[in-house]
C-alpha cells in the first residue's frame, strides 16, 4: 500500500452543479484525506491523500463527476503533505471557501 498526495485542478462545467459535494462524498467513502474548493477562474481544486490505487479510482470518479457536471480536463500534479494543513481542523476531508 503506497500512500500518495495529489493535487488536482478540474476544468469544465464544475461549479454550481454539486461538484464539490460530489468530491467530498466520494473521498469520504474511500477514506481519503484532503480538501476541495472552487476557484474564481471557474475551476475546482482538490488535494487527495491516501492509497495510490484508491486515489486512481477517485480520479476516475472525478472525471465522471455528478450528473449535471461536464469535466473537460483534469490537471494532476504531485501534492505535498503540507497542503493538507489547509483542511478544517479535526476533519479528514474538507470543503474549503472559494479562492
Protein backbone atom coordinates (compact mmCIF):
# COMPACT_ATOMS: atom_id res chain seq x y z
CA UNK A 1 0.00 0.00 0.00
CA UNK A 2 1.65 3.19 -1.21
CA UNK A 3 0.46 6.47 0.31
CA UNK A 4 0.42 9.42 -2.09
CA UNK A 5 -0.79 13.03 -2.19
CA UNK A 6 -2.08 14.50 -5.46
CA UNK A 7 -3.22 17.99 -6.40
CA UNK A 8 -5.98 18.26 -9.00
CA UNK A 9 -7.40 21.19 -10.95
CA UNK A 10 -10.65 20.25 -12.67
CA UNK A 11 -11.78 22.20 -15.75
CA UNK A 12 -15.25 22.25 -17.32
CA UNK A 13 -18.74 22.92 -16.01
CA UNK A 14 -17.83 22.07 -12.42
CA UNK A 15 -19.24 24.98 -10.41
CA UNK A 16 -22.89 25.31 -9.47
CA UNK A 17 -23.52 21.64 -10.25
CA UNK A 18 -22.76 19.96 -6.91
CA UNK A 19 -19.21 19.02 -7.89
CA UNK A 20 -17.58 19.87 -4.54
CA UNK A 21 -20.21 17.90 -2.62
CA UNK A 22 -19.69 15.00 -5.05
CA UNK A 23 -15.91 15.06 -4.46
CA UNK A 24 -16.40 15.26 -0.69
CA UNK A 25 -18.82 12.31 -0.67
CA UNK A 26 -16.63 10.18 -2.95
CA UNK A 27 -13.46 10.95 -0.99
CA UNK A 28 -15.06 10.20 2.37
CA UNK A 29 -16.48 6.91 1.05
CA UNK A 30 -12.92 5.93 0.10
CA UNK A 31 -11.38 7.09 3.41
CA UNK A 32 -9.23 9.66 1.64
CA UNK A 33 -7.90 12.77 3.34
CA UNK A 34 -7.75 16.20 1.73
CA UNK A 35 -9.91 19.08 0.60
CA UNK A 36 -11.83 20.57 -2.32
CA UNK A 37 -12.73 24.17 -3.23
CA UNK A 38 -13.96 26.36 -6.06
CA UNK A 39 -11.56 28.81 -7.70
CA UNK A 40 -12.58 32.18 -9.08
CA UNK A 41 -11.43 31.13 -12.57
CA UNK A 42 -14.25 28.55 -12.74
CA UNK A 43 -12.14 25.50 -11.91
CA UNK A 44 -12.35 23.22 -8.89
CA UNK A 45 -9.16 22.46 -6.98
CA UNK A 46 -8.65 19.39 -4.80
CA UNK A 47 -5.92 17.72 -2.78
CA UNK A 48 -6.31 13.99 -2.14
CA UNK A 49 -4.19 11.82 0.13
CA UNK A 50 -4.33 8.07 0.58
CA UNK A 51 -3.51 4.75 -1.02
CA UNK A 52 -2.26 5.15 -4.61
CA UNK A 53 -4.76 2.65 -6.06
CA UNK A 54 -7.66 4.31 -4.23
CA UNK A 55 -6.50 7.72 -5.49
CA UNK A 56 -6.57 6.42 -9.09
CA UNK A 57 -10.13 5.19 -8.55
CA UNK A 58 -11.06 8.58 -7.08
CA UNK A 59 -9.59 10.45 -10.05
CA UNK A 60 -11.68 8.26 -12.38
CA UNK A 61 -14.76 9.28 -10.35
CA UNK A 62 -13.71 12.95 -10.63
CA UNK A 63 -13.56 12.57 -14.43
CA UNK A 64 -17.20 11.45 -14.40
CA UNK A 65 -18.41 13.93 -11.78
CA UNK A 66 -22.04 14.36 -10.77
CA UNK A 67 -24.80 14.10 -13.38
CA UNK A 68 -25.01 17.79 -14.30
CA UNK A 69 -21.24 18.42 -14.45
CA UNK A 70 -19.06 18.33 -17.55
CA UNK A 71 -15.39 17.62 -16.92
CA UNK A 72 -13.22 18.79 -19.82
CA UNK A 73 -9.79 18.17 -18.28
CA UNK A 74 -8.06 17.35 -15.01
CA UNK A 75 -4.59 18.74 -14.36
CA UNK A 76 -2.76 16.45 -11.96
CA UNK A 77 0.44 17.24 -10.11
CA UNK A 78 2.18 15.79 -7.10
CA UNK A 79 0.77 17.18 -3.88
CA UNK A 80 2.55 17.71 -0.60
CA UNK A 81 1.71 16.78 2.96
CA UNK A 82 1.89 20.49 3.85
CA UNK A 83 -1.06 21.22 1.53
CA UNK A 84 -3.21 19.02 3.77
CA UNK A 85 -2.82 21.64 6.51
CA UNK A 86 -5.46 23.75 4.74
CA UNK A 87 -8.19 21.34 5.95
CA UNK A 88 -10.60 22.36 8.66
CA UNK A 89 -9.07 21.18 11.97
CA UNK A 90 -10.49 17.83 13.03
CA UNK A 91 -11.75 16.91 9.56
CA UNK A 92 -10.16 14.26 7.36
CA UNK A 93 -11.73 15.87 4.26
CA UNK A 94 -12.92 19.46 4.00
CA UNK A 95 -14.83 21.70 1.61
CA UNK A 96 -12.95 24.99 1.71
CA UNK A 97 -14.06 28.52 0.78
CA UNK A 98 -13.57 29.77 -2.78
CA UNK A 99 -10.22 31.36 -3.60
